Amino acid sequence: MLIDLHTHSTASDGTDSPAALMRAAAGAGLDVVALTDHDTVAGHAEALAALPRGLTLVTGTEFSCRMDGIGLHLLGYLYDPDEPELARERQLVRDDRVPRAQAMVARLRELGVDITWERVRELAQGVVGRPHIAAAMVEAGVIGSVSDAFAPEWIGDDGRAHVGKHELDVFTAIRLIKAAGGVSVFAHPAAAHRGAVVPLPAIAELATAGLDGIEVDHMDHDPATRAALRALAGDLRLLPTGSSDYHGERKTIRLGEHTTAPEVYEELVDRASGGAPVTG
């Protein structure tokens, strides 16, 4: 089985619509794909309606969280999207996205970057985020690639034009996901090029709080990092997942470039009670 548990659509910052993403996943030979847009479940209905025969969809969300002042992302799978407290937190994050992005565009303009809010919204086609600002910067010739925007001189964490956002306390997020019948996995925990990362020993605290897994096989982890994370997962009895973190044309990674072992996927599904995978 080919199982990719981390992808994004135009419901957040991907370039494929949810329906197109499902077709692309089937075309890439995947058996299972998770749709995990940032802080939203808005793409799930379209993805389910377009699910090709034989492809299994795992519904999920990538939550924006914080631990000891450090931002991190938490993947929540197969939880009940109607659970009130978790739904309220998703809404708070989404409501913060537009004023935050507008503030970053304003700061960039003060730094001499000739982009407009109107163009950023056009590029987003939906929920706006930093990748859309980065795309506008590429289009304006300020930087060479979207990833260049996430350096400290621009909109990276603690960058000159960075603006903070509403983020869930990670311990609260783990609790809420579990209360909604879901399973939580720490996304790309050692992606240091994105900014400060949670020290690996601190992951033990998250495991004690109910974290189910850590994303080990990811494009932002080199072989030595993956080996260290896999050993840590074994020590803490966490599920070691793998995935592409596919964003369509915004990243060079291919669907299914990194995958999750079938036995890990089966255990993840067994732990969930708020939802179940759906097969087309």
C-alpha atoms as a PDB file:
ATOM      1  CA  MET A   1       0.000   0.000   0.000  1.00  0.00           C
ATOM      2  CA  LEU A   2       1.103   3.567  -0.749  1.00  0.00           C
ATOM      3  CA  ILE A   3      -0.091   5.861   2.053  1.00  0.00           C
ATOM      4  CA  ASP A   4       0.502   9.642   2.058  1.00  0.00           C
ATOM      5  CA  LEU A   5      -0.823  11.286   5.228  1.00  0.00           C
ATOM      6  CA  HIS A   6      -0.131  15.004   4.674  1.00  0.00           C
ATOM      7  CA  THR A   7      -1.373  17.021   1.681  1.00  0.00           C
ATOM      8  CA  HIS A   8      -2.812  20.483   1.020  1.00  0.00           C
ATOM      9  CA  SER A   9      -5.395  21.855  -1.401  1.00  0.00           C
ATOM     10  CA  THR A  10      -6.702  25.295  -2.345  1.00  0.00           C
ATOM     11  CA  ALA A  11      -8.769  25.145   0.856  1.00  0.00           C
ATOM     12  CA  SER A  12      -5.533  26.387   2.463  1.00  0.00           C
ATOM     13  CA  ASP A  13      -2.233  26.960   0.656  1.00  0.00           C
ATOM     14  CA  GLY A  14      -2.072  24.245  -1.998  1.00  0.00           C
ATOM     15  CA  THR A  15      -2.544  24.864  -5.719  1.00  0.00           C
ATOM     16  CA  ASP A  16      -4.799  21.854  -6.514  1.00  0.00           C
ATOM     17  CA  SER A  17      -8.489  21.972  -5.715  1.00  0.00           C
ATOM     18  CA  PRO A  18      -9.612  19.194  -3.354  1.00  0.00           C
ATOM     19  CA  ALA A  19     -11.177  17.336  -6.289  1.00  0.00           C
ATOM     20  CA  ALA A  20      -8.064  17.732  -8.450  1.00  0.00           C
ATOM     21  CA  LEU A  21      -5.911  16.570  -5.559  1.00  0.00           C
ATOM     22  CA  MET A  22      -7.933  13.365  -5.246  1.00  0.00           C
ATOM     23  CA  ARG A  23      -7.504  12.698  -8.969  1.00  0.00           C
ATOM     24  CA  ALA A  24      -3.786  13.424  -8.722  1.00  0.00           C
ATOM     25  CA  ALA A  25      -3.442  11.069  -5.751  1.00  0.00           C
ATOM     26  CA  ALA A  26      -5.098   8.254  -7.692  1.00  0.00           C
ATOM     27  CA  GLY A  27      -2.931   9.056 -10.707  1.00  0.00           C
ATOM     28  CA  ALA A  28       0.177   8.857  -8.533  1.00  0.00           C
ATOM     29  CA  GLY A  29      -0.771   5.321  -7.516  1.00  0.00           C
ATOM     30  CA  LEU A  30      -1.675   6.124  -3.922  1.00  0.00           C
ATOM     31  CA  ASP A  31      -3.969   3.769  -2.029  1.00  0.00           C
ATOM     32  CA  VAL A  32      -4.557   6.200   0.873  1.00  0.00           C
ATOM     33  CA  VAL A  33      -4.281   9.987   1.017  1.00  0.00           C
ATOM     34  CA  ALA A  34      -4.966  12.391   3.894  1.00  0.00           C
ATOM     35  CA  LEU A  35      -6.238  15.909   3.157  1.00  0.00           C
ATOM     36  CA  THR A  36      -4.801  18.078   5.942  1.00  0.00           C
ATOM     37  CA  ASP A  37      -5.312  21.726   5.049  1.00  0.00           C
ATOM     38  CA  HIS A  38      -4.210  24.353   7.550  1.00  0.00           C
ATOM     39  CA  ASP A  39      -6.726  24.994  10.340  1.00  0.00           C
ATOM     40  CA  THR A  40      -9.753  24.049   8.234  1.00  0.00           C
ATOM     41  CA  VAL A  41     -11.960  21.192   7.069  1.00  0.00           C
ATOM     42  CA  ALA A  42     -13.347  23.238   4.173  1.00  0.00           C
ATOM     43  CA  GLY A  43     -11.966  20.940   1.457  1.00  0.00           C
ATOM     44  CA  HIS A  44     -13.251  17.642   2.817  1.00  0.00           C
ATOM     45  CA  ALA A  45     -16.721  17.657   1.253  1.00  0.00           C
ATOM     46  CA  GLU A  46     -15.379  18.352  -2.238  1.00  0.00           C
ATOM     47  CA  ALA A  47     -12.665  15.724  -1.845  1.00  0.00           C
ATOM     48  CA  LEU A  48     -15.187  13.100  -0.713  1.00  0.00           C
ATOM     49  CA  ALA A  49     -17.515  13.899  -3.598  1.00  0.00           C
ATOM     50  CA  ALA A  50     -14.685  13.497  -6.112  1.00  0.00           C
ATOM     51  CA  LEU A  51     -13.029  10.433  -4.552  1.00  0.00           C
ATOM     52  CA  PRO A  52     -11.892   8.084  -7.351  1.00  0.00           C
ATOM     53  CA  ARG A  53     -12.740   4.404  -7.153  1.00  0.00           C
ATOM     54  CA  GLY A  54     -10.241   2.519  -4.998  1.00  0.00           C
ATOM     55  CA  LEU A  55      -8.680   5.565  -3.330  1.00  0.00           C
ATOM     56  CA  THR A  56      -9.143   5.940   0.436  1.00  0.00           C
ATOM     57  CA  LEU A  57      -9.422   9.416   1.965  1.00  0.00           C
ATOM     58  CA  VAL A  58      -8.373  10.184   5.538  1.00  0.00           C
ATOM     59  CA  THR A  59      -9.821  13.501   6.707  1.00  0.00           C
ATOM     60  CA  GLY A  60      -7.563  15.715   8.779  1.00  0.00           C
ATOM     61  CA  THR A  61      -6.293  19.189   9.593  1.00  0.00           C
ATOM     62  CA  GLU A  62      -2.877  20.726  10.179  1.00  0.00           C
ATOM     63  CA  PHE A  63      -3.292  22.854  13.305  1.00  0.00           C
ATOM     64  CA  SER A  64      -1.156  25.927  14.050  1.00  0.00           C
ATOM     65  CA  CYS A  65       0.167  25.488  17.602  1.00  0.00           C
ATOM     66  CA  ARG A  66       2.737  26.869  20.020  1.00  0.00           C
ATOM     67  CA  MET A  67       4.890  25.337  22.745  1.00  0.00           C
ATOM     68  CA  ASP A  68       7.141  27.414  25.014  1.00  0.00           C
ATOM     69  CA  GLY A  69       7.049  30.284  22.529  1.00  0.00           C
ATOM     70  CA  ILE A  70       7.916  28.094  19.528  1.00  0.00           C
ATOM     71  CA  GLY A  71       5.483  27.585  16.668  1.00  0.00           C
ATOM     72  CA  LEU A  72       4.746  24.051  15.517  1.00  0.00           C
ATOM     73  CA  HIS A  73       2.185  22.178  13.450  1.00  0.00           C
ATOM     74  CA  LEU A  74       0.031  19.332  14.703  1.00  0.00           C
ATOM     75  CA  LEU A  75      -1.771  16.970  12.336  1.00  0.00           C
ATOM     76  CA  GLY A  76      -5.179  15.876  13.597  1.00  0.00           C
ATOM     77  CA  TYR A  77      -6.749  12.886  11.842  1.00  0.00           C
ATOM     78  CA  LEU A  78     -10.243  11.393  11.820  1.00  0.00           C
ATOM     79  CA  TYR A  79     -11.689  13.656  14.494  1.00  0.00           C
ATOM     80  CA  ASP A  80     -15.298  14.840  14.695  1.00  0.00           C
ATOM     81  CA  PRO A  81     -15.264  18.221  12.881  1.00  0.00           C
ATOM     82  CA  ASP A  82     -18.438  19.296  14.675  1.00  0.00           C
ATOM     83  CA  GLU A  83     -16.948  19.037  18.168  1.00  0.00           C
ATOM     84  CA  PRO A  84     -17.726  22.591  19.404  1.00  0.00           C
ATOM     85  CA  GLU A  85     -14.543  23.566  21.247  1.00  0.00           C
ATOM     86  CA  LEU A  86     -12.196  22.385  18.491  1.00  0.00           C
ATOM     87  CA  ALA A  87     -14.394  23.981  15.818  1.00  0.00           C
ATOM     88  CA  ARG A  88     -14.233  27.281  17.717  1.00  0.00           C
ATOM     89  CA  GLU A  89     -10.434  27.168  17.803  1.00  0.00           C
ATOM     90  CA  ARG A  90     -10.255  26.498  14.057  1.00  0.00           C
ATOM     91  CA  GLN A  91     -12.473  29.518  13.482  1.00  0.00           C
ATOM     92  CA  LEU A  92     -10.270  31.757  15.639  1.00  0.00           C
ATOM     93  CA  VAL A  93      -7.215  30.855  13.573  1.00  0.00           C
ATOM     94  CA  ARG A  94      -9.051  31.377  10.277  1.00  0.00           C
ATOM     95  CA  ASP A  95     -10.435  34.747  11.392  1.00  0.00           C
ATOM     96  CA  ASP A  96      -6.885  35.873  12.145  1.00  0.00           C
ATOM     97  CA  ARG A  97      -5.492  35.006   8.723  1.00  0.00           C
ATOM     98  CA  VAL A  98      -6.671  38.027   6.733  1.00  0.00           C
ATOM     99  CA  PRO A  99      -5.608  40.818   9.125  1.00  0.00           C
ATOM    100  CA  ARG A 100      -2.313  38.999   9.701  1.00  0.00           C
ATOM    101  CA  ALA A 101      -1.583  38.708   5.976  1.00  0.00           C
ATOM    102  CA  GLN A 102      -2.601  42.323   5.386  1.00  0.00           C
ATOM    103  CA  ALA A 103      -0.197  43.445   8.114  1.00  0.00           C
ATOM    104  CA  MET A 104       2.667  41.470   6.551  1.00  0.00           C
ATOM    105  CA  VAL A 105       1.988  42.983   3.132  1.00  0.00           C
ATOM    106  CA  ALA A 106       2.039  46.439   4.716  1.00  0.00           C
ATOM    107  CA  ARG A 107       5.371  45.729   6.413  1.00  0.00           C
ATOM    108  CA  LEU A 108       6.862  44.428   3.174  1.00  0.00           C
ATOM    109  CA  ARG A 109       5.748  47.562   1.342  1.00  0.00           C
ATOM    110  CA  GLU A 110       7.467  49.626   4.034  1.00  0.00           C
ATOM    111  CA  LEU A 111      10.614  47.631   3.239  1.00  0.00           C
ATOM    112  CA  GLY A 112      10.298  48.569  -0.438  1.00  0.00           C
ATOM    113  CA  VAL A 113       8.648  45.369  -1.714  1.00  0.00           C
ATOM    114  CA  ASP A 114       6.210  46.314  -4.472  1.00  0.00           C
ATOM    115  CA  ILE A 115       3.330  43.891  -3.880  1.00  0.00           C
ATOM    116  CA  THR A 116      -0.334  44.586  -3.191  1.00  0.00           C
ATOM    117  CA  TRP A 117      -2.942  42.995  -0.958  1.00  0.00           C
ATOM    118  CA  GLU A 118      -5.267  42.679  -3.954  1.00  0.00           C
ATOM    119  CA  ARG A 119      -2.730  40.555  -5.830  1.00  0.00           C
ATOM    120  CA  VAL A 120      -2.085  38.333  -2.791  1.00  0.00           C
ATOM    121  CA  ARG A 121      -5.831  37.648  -2.538  1.00  0.00           C
ATOM    122  CA  GLU A 122      -5.965  36.786  -6.245  1.00  0.00           C
ATOM    123  CA  LEU A 123      -3.119  34.305  -5.835  1.00  0.00           C
ATOM    124  CA  ALA A 124      -4.770  32.721  -2.799  1.00  0.00           C
ATOM    125  CA  GLN A 125      -8.102  31.886  -4.505  1.00  0.00           C
ATOM    126  CA  GLY A 126      -9.360  31.120  -1.011  1.00  0.00           C
ATOM    127  CA  VAL A 127      -7.797  30.996   2.446  1.00  0.00           C
ATOM    128  CA  VAL A 128      -4.793  33.327   2.424  1.00  0.00           C
ATOM    129  CA  GLY A 129      -1.456  32.466   3.992  1.00  0.00           C
ATOM    130  CA  ARG A 130       2.231  33.257   3.879  1.00  0.00           C
ATOM    131  CA  PRO A 131       2.864  31.138   0.743  1.00  0.00           C
ATOM    132  CA  HIS A 132       0.569  33.458  -1.203  1.00  0.00           C
ATOM    133  CA  ILE A 133       2.535  36.491  -0.031  1.00  0.00           C
ATOM    134  CA  ALA A 134       5.709  34.639  -1.005  1.00  0.00           C
ATOM    135  CA  ALA A 135       4.259  33.912  -4.457  1.00  0.00           C
ATOM    136  CA  ALA A 136       3.533  37.614  -4.937  1.00  0.00           C
ATOM    137  CA  MET A 137       7.117  38.401  -3.978  1.00  0.00           C
ATOM    138  CA  VAL A 138       8.407  35.904  -6.553  1.00  0.00           C
ATOM    139  CA  GLU A 139       6.103  37.405  -9.167  1.00  0.00           C
ATOM    140  CA  ALA A 140       7.444  40.885  -8.342  1.00  0.00           C
ATOM    141  CA  GLY A 141      11.018  39.664  -8.825  1.00  0.00           C
ATOM    142  CA  VAL A 142      12.016  40.330  -5.206  1.00  0.00           C
ATOM    143  CA  ILE A 143      13.044  36.726  -4.517  1.00  0.00           C
ATOM    144  CA  GLY A 144      13.750  33.691  -6.656  1.00  0.00           C
ATOM    145  CA  SER A 145      11.519  31.114  -5.011  1.00  0.00           C
ATOM    146  CA  VAL A 146       8.682  30.830  -2.508  1.00  0.00           C
ATOM    147  CA  SER A 147      11.011  29.261   0.063  1.00  0.00           C
ATOM    148  CA  ASP A 148      13.271  32.345  -0.073  1.00  0.00           C
ATOM    149  CA  ALA A 149      10.480  34.412   1.522  1.00  0.00           C
ATOM    150  CA  PHE A 150      10.692  32.399   4.731  1.00  0.00           C
ATOM    151  CA  ALA A 151      14.152  33.721   5.596  1.00  0.00           C
ATOM    152  CA  PRO A 152      14.571  36.077   8.588  1.00  0.00           C
ATOM    153  CA  GLU A 153      14.935  39.064   6.280  1.00  0.00           C
ATOM    154  CA  TRP A 154      11.377  38.610   5.016  1.00  0.00           C
ATOM    155  CA  ILE A 155       8.370  36.707   6.441  1.00  0.00           C
ATOM    156  CA  GLY A 156      10.044  33.792   8.207  1.00  0.00           C
ATOM    157  CA  ASP A 157       9.368  33.345  11.909  1.00  0.00           C
ATOM    158  CA  ASP A 158      10.817  36.422  13.668  1.00  0.00           C
ATOM    159  CA  GLY A 159      11.533  37.935  10.245  1.00  0.00           C
ATOM    160  CA  ARG A 160      11.475  41.666   9.520  1.00  0.00           C
ATOM    161  CA  ALA A 161       7.979  41.507   8.028  1.00  0.00           C
ATOM    162  CA  HIS A 162       6.607  38.615  10.073  1.00  0.00           C
ATOM    163  CA  VAL A 163       3.384  39.065  12.026  1.00  0.00           C
ATOM    164  CA  GLY A 164       2.284  36.593  14.683  1.00  0.00           C
ATOM    165  CA  LYS A 165      -0.990  34.706  14.544  1.00  0.00           C
ATOM    166  CA  HIS A 166      -3.461  33.042  16.845  1.00  0.00           C
ATOM    167  CA  GLU A 167      -2.105  29.613  17.709  1.00  0.00           C
ATOM    168  CA  LEU A 168      -3.366  26.837  19.933  1.00  0.00           C
ATOM    169  CA  ASP A 169      -1.365  25.780  22.938  1.00  0.00           C
ATOM    170  CA  VAL A 170      -0.125  22.393  21.754  1.00  0.00           C
ATOM    171  CA  PHE A 171      -1.215  20.592  24.931  1.00  0.00           C
ATOM    172  CA  THR A 172      -4.707  22.028  24.493  1.00  0.00           C
ATOM    173  CA  ALA A 173      -4.695  20.949  20.847  1.00  0.00           C
ATOM    174  CA  ILE A 174      -3.738  17.366  21.728  1.00  0.00           C
ATOM    175  CA  ARG A 175      -6.485  17.266  24.339  1.00  0.00           C
ATOM    176  CA  LEU A 176      -9.135  18.684  22.002  1.00  0.00           C
ATOM    177  CA  ILE A 177      -8.244  16.373  19.119  1.00  0.00           C
ATOM    178  CA  LYS A 178      -8.411  13.366  21.422  1.00  0.00           C
ATOM    179  CA  ALA A 179     -11.726  14.573  22.925  1.00  0.00           C
ATOM    180  CA  ALA A 180     -13.101  14.791  19.377  1.00  0.00           C
ATOM    181  CA  GLY A 181     -12.120  11.169  18.743  1.00  0.00           C
ATOM    182  CA  GLY A 182      -9.060  12.009  16.678  1.00  0.00           C
ATOM    183  CA  VAL A 183      -5.403  11.078  16.489  1.00  0.00           C
ATOM    184  CA  SER A 184      -2.573  13.652  16.720  1.00  0.00           C
ATOM    185  CA  VAL A 185       0.807  13.582  14.964  1.00  0.00           C
ATOM    186  CA  PHE A 186       3.583  16.180  15.307  1.00  0.00           C
ATOM    187  CA  ALA A 187       4.251  17.445  11.759  1.00  0.00           C
ATOM    188  CA  HIS A 188       7.868  17.834  10.515  1.00  0.00           C
ATOM    189  CA  PRO A 189       9.190  18.276  14.081  1.00  0.00           C
ATOM    190  CA  ALA A 190      12.813  18.878  13.047  1.00  0.00           C
ATOM    191  CA  ALA A 191      12.308  21.235  10.086  1.00  0.00           C
ATOM    192  CA  ALA A 192      14.856  23.716  11.462  1.00  0.00           C
ATOM    193  CA  HIS A 193      15.141  25.732   8.238  1.00  0.00           C
ATOM    194  CA  ARG A 194      11.589  27.001   8.881  1.00  0.00           C
ATOM    195  CA  GLY A 195      12.628  28.593  12.176  1.00  0.00           C
ATOM    196  CA  ALA A 196      13.086  27.515  15.778  1.00  0.00           C
ATOM    197  CA  VAL A 197      11.971  23.965  16.512  1.00  0.00           C
ATOM    198  CA  VAL A 198      10.859  22.252  19.694  1.00  0.00           C
ATOM    199  CA  PRO A 199      13.859  20.425  21.253  1.00  0.00           C
ATOM    200  CA  LEU A 200      13.555  16.688  20.680  1.00  0.00           C
ATOM    201  CA  PRO A 201      13.618  15.863  24.430  1.00  0.00           C
ATOM    202  CA  ALA A 202      10.496  18.022  24.859  1.00  0.00           C
ATOM    203  CA  ILE A 203       8.563  15.641  22.609  1.00  0.00           C
ATOM    204  CA  ALA A 204       8.447  13.302  25.609  1.00  0.00           C
ATOM    205  CA  GLU A 205       6.171  15.860  27.295  1.00  0.00           C
ATOM    206  CA  LEU A 206       3.838  15.749  24.302  1.00  0.00           C
ATOM    207  CA  ALA A 207       3.814  11.955  24.349  1.00  0.00           C
ATOM    208  CA  THR A 208       2.856  12.015  28.019  1.00  0.00           C
ATOM    209  CA  ALA A 209       0.036  14.439  27.153  1.00  0.00           C
ATOM    210  CA  GLY A 210      -1.404  12.006  24.599  1.00  0.00           C
ATOM    211  CA  LEU A 211       0.421  12.692  21.320  1.00  0.00           C
ATOM    212  CA  ASP A 212       0.022   9.659  19.062  1.00  0.00           C
ATOM    213  CA  GLY A 213       2.844  10.065  16.567  1.00  0.00           C
ATOM    214  CA  ILE A 214       5.585  12.087  14.900  1.00  0.00           C
ATOM    215  CA  GLU A 215       6.150  12.671  11.210  1.00  0.00           C
ATOM    216  CA  VAL A 216       9.523  11.056  10.544  1.00  0.00           C
ATOM    217  CA  ASP A 217       9.854  10.700   6.771  1.00  0.00           C
ATOM    218  CA  HIS A 218       9.464  14.228   5.408  1.00  0.00           C
ATOM    219  CA  MET A 219      11.312  16.303   2.818  1.00  0.00           C
ATOM    220  CA  ASP A 220      12.637  18.647   5.543  1.00  0.00           C
ATOM    221  CA  HIS A 221      14.379  15.810   7.430  1.00  0.00           C
ATOM    222  CA  ASP A 222      17.744  14.497   6.256  1.00  0.00           C
ATOM    223  CA  PRO A 223      18.627  10.799   6.737  1.00  0.00           C
ATOM    224  CA  ALA A 224      20.363  11.358  10.085  1.00  0.00           C
ATOM    225  CA  THR A 225      17.396  13.341  11.402  1.00  0.00           C
ATOM    226  CA  ARG A 226      14.985  10.634  10.284  1.00  0.00           C
ATOM    227  CA  ALA A 227      17.035   7.993  12.054  1.00  0.00           C
ATOM    228  CA  ALA A 228      17.036  10.045  15.263  1.00  0.00           C
ATOM    229  CA  LEU A 229      13.281  10.673  15.047  1.00  0.00           C
ATOM    230  CA  ARG A 230      12.548   7.013  14.346  1.00  0.00           C
ATOM    231  CA  ALA A 231      14.561   6.003  17.398  1.00  0.00           C
ATOM    232  CA  LEU A 232      12.767   8.623  19.483  1.00  0.00           C
ATOM    233  CA  ALA A 233       9.394   7.354  18.270  1.00  0.00           C
ATOM    234  CA  GLY A 234      10.379   3.865  19.342  1.00  0.00           C
ATOM    235  CA  ASP A 235      11.518   5.030  22.768  1.00  0.00           C
ATOM    236  CA  LEU A 236       8.304   7.019  23.335  1.00  0.00           C
ATOM    237  CA  ARG A 237       6.001   4.473  21.676  1.00  0.00           C
ATOM    238  CA  LEU A 238       4.851   7.031  19.122  1.00  0.00           C
ATOM    239  CA  LEU A 239       3.640   6.165  15.621  1.00  0.00           C
ATOM    240  CA  PRO A 240       6.315   7.102  13.019  1.00  0.00           C
ATOM    241  CA  THR A 241       4.521   8.465   9.951  1.00  0.00           C
ATOM    242  CA  GLY A 242       5.757   9.608   6.546  1.00  0.00           C
ATOM    243  CA  SER A 243       4.226  11.904   3.977  1.00  0.00           C
ATOM    244  CA  SER A 244       4.854  14.319   1.141  1.00  0.00           C
ATOM    245  CA  ASP A 245       3.389  17.526   2.622  1.00  0.00           C
ATOM    246  CA  TYR A 246       2.243  18.085  -0.964  1.00  0.00           C
ATOM    247  CA  HIS A 247       1.267  21.645  -1.943  1.00  0.00           C
ATOM    248  CA  GLY A 248       0.895  21.218  -5.699  1.00  0.00           C
ATOM    249  CA  GLU A 249       2.978  23.628  -7.771  1.00  0.00           C
ATOM    250  CA  ARG A 250       4.194  25.538  -4.691  1.00  0.00           C
ATOM    251  CA  LYS A 251       6.689  22.824  -3.784  1.00  0.00           C
ATOM    252  CA  THR A 252       8.757  20.390  -5.819  1.00  0.00           C
ATOM    253  CA  ILE A 253       7.738  17.394  -3.693  1.00  0.00           C
ATOM    254  CA  ARG A 254       5.621  14.746  -5.424  1.00  0.00           C
ATOM    255  CA  LEU A 255       2.585  12.964  -4.016  1.00  0.00           C
ATOM    256  CA  GLY A 256       3.731   9.745  -2.388  1.00  0.00           C
ATOM    257  CA  GLU A 257       7.398  10.760  -2.332  1.00  0.00           C
ATOM    258  CA  HIS A 258       7.386   9.856   1.371  1.00  0.00           C
ATOM    259  CA  THR A 259       4.862   7.408   2.772  1.00  0.00           C
ATOM    260  CA  THR A 260       3.575   5.756   5.943  1.00  0.00           C
ATOM    261  CA  ALA A 261       3.980   2.040   6.631  1.00  0.00           C
ATOM    262  CA  PRO A 262       0.689   0.083   6.394  1.00  0.00           C
ATOM    263  CA  GLU A 263       0.949  -1.209   9.963  1.00  0.00           C
ATOM    264  CA  VAL A 264       1.389   2.355  11.290  1.00  0.00           C
ATOM    265  CA  TYR A 265      -1.611   3.526   9.274  1.00  0.00           C
ATOM    266  CA  GLU A 266      -3.736   0.658  10.573  1.00  0.00           C
ATOM    267  CA  GLU A 267      -2.843   1.520  14.168  1.00  0.00           C
ATOM    268  CA  LEU A 268      -3.651   5.196  13.559  1.00  0.00           C
ATOM    269  CA  VAL A 269      -7.088   4.264  12.221  1.00  0.00           C
ATOM    270  CA  ASP A 270      -7.692   1.857  15.102  1.00  0.00           C
ATOM    271  CA  ARG A 271      -7.055   4.665  17.615  1.00  0.00           C
ATOM    272  CA  ALA A 272      -9.588   7.024  16.020  1.00  0.00           C
ATOM    273  CA  SER A 273     -13.237   7.118  17.054  1.00  0.00           C
ATOM    274  CA  GLY A 274     -14.382  10.464  15.674  1.00  0.00           C
ATOM    275  CA  GLY A 275     -14.323   9.450  12.014  1.00  0.00           C
ATOM    276  CA  ALA A 276     -13.266   6.724   9.626  1.00  0.00           C
ATOM    277  CA  PRO A 277     -11.450   6.576   6.284  1.00  0.00           C
ATOM    278  CA  VAL A 278     -13.710   6.607   3.216  1.00  0.00           C
ATOM    279  CA  THR A 279     -12.938   4.519   0.113  1.00  0.00           C
ATOM    280  CA  GLY A 280     -14.184   5.502  -3.310  1.00  0.00           C
END
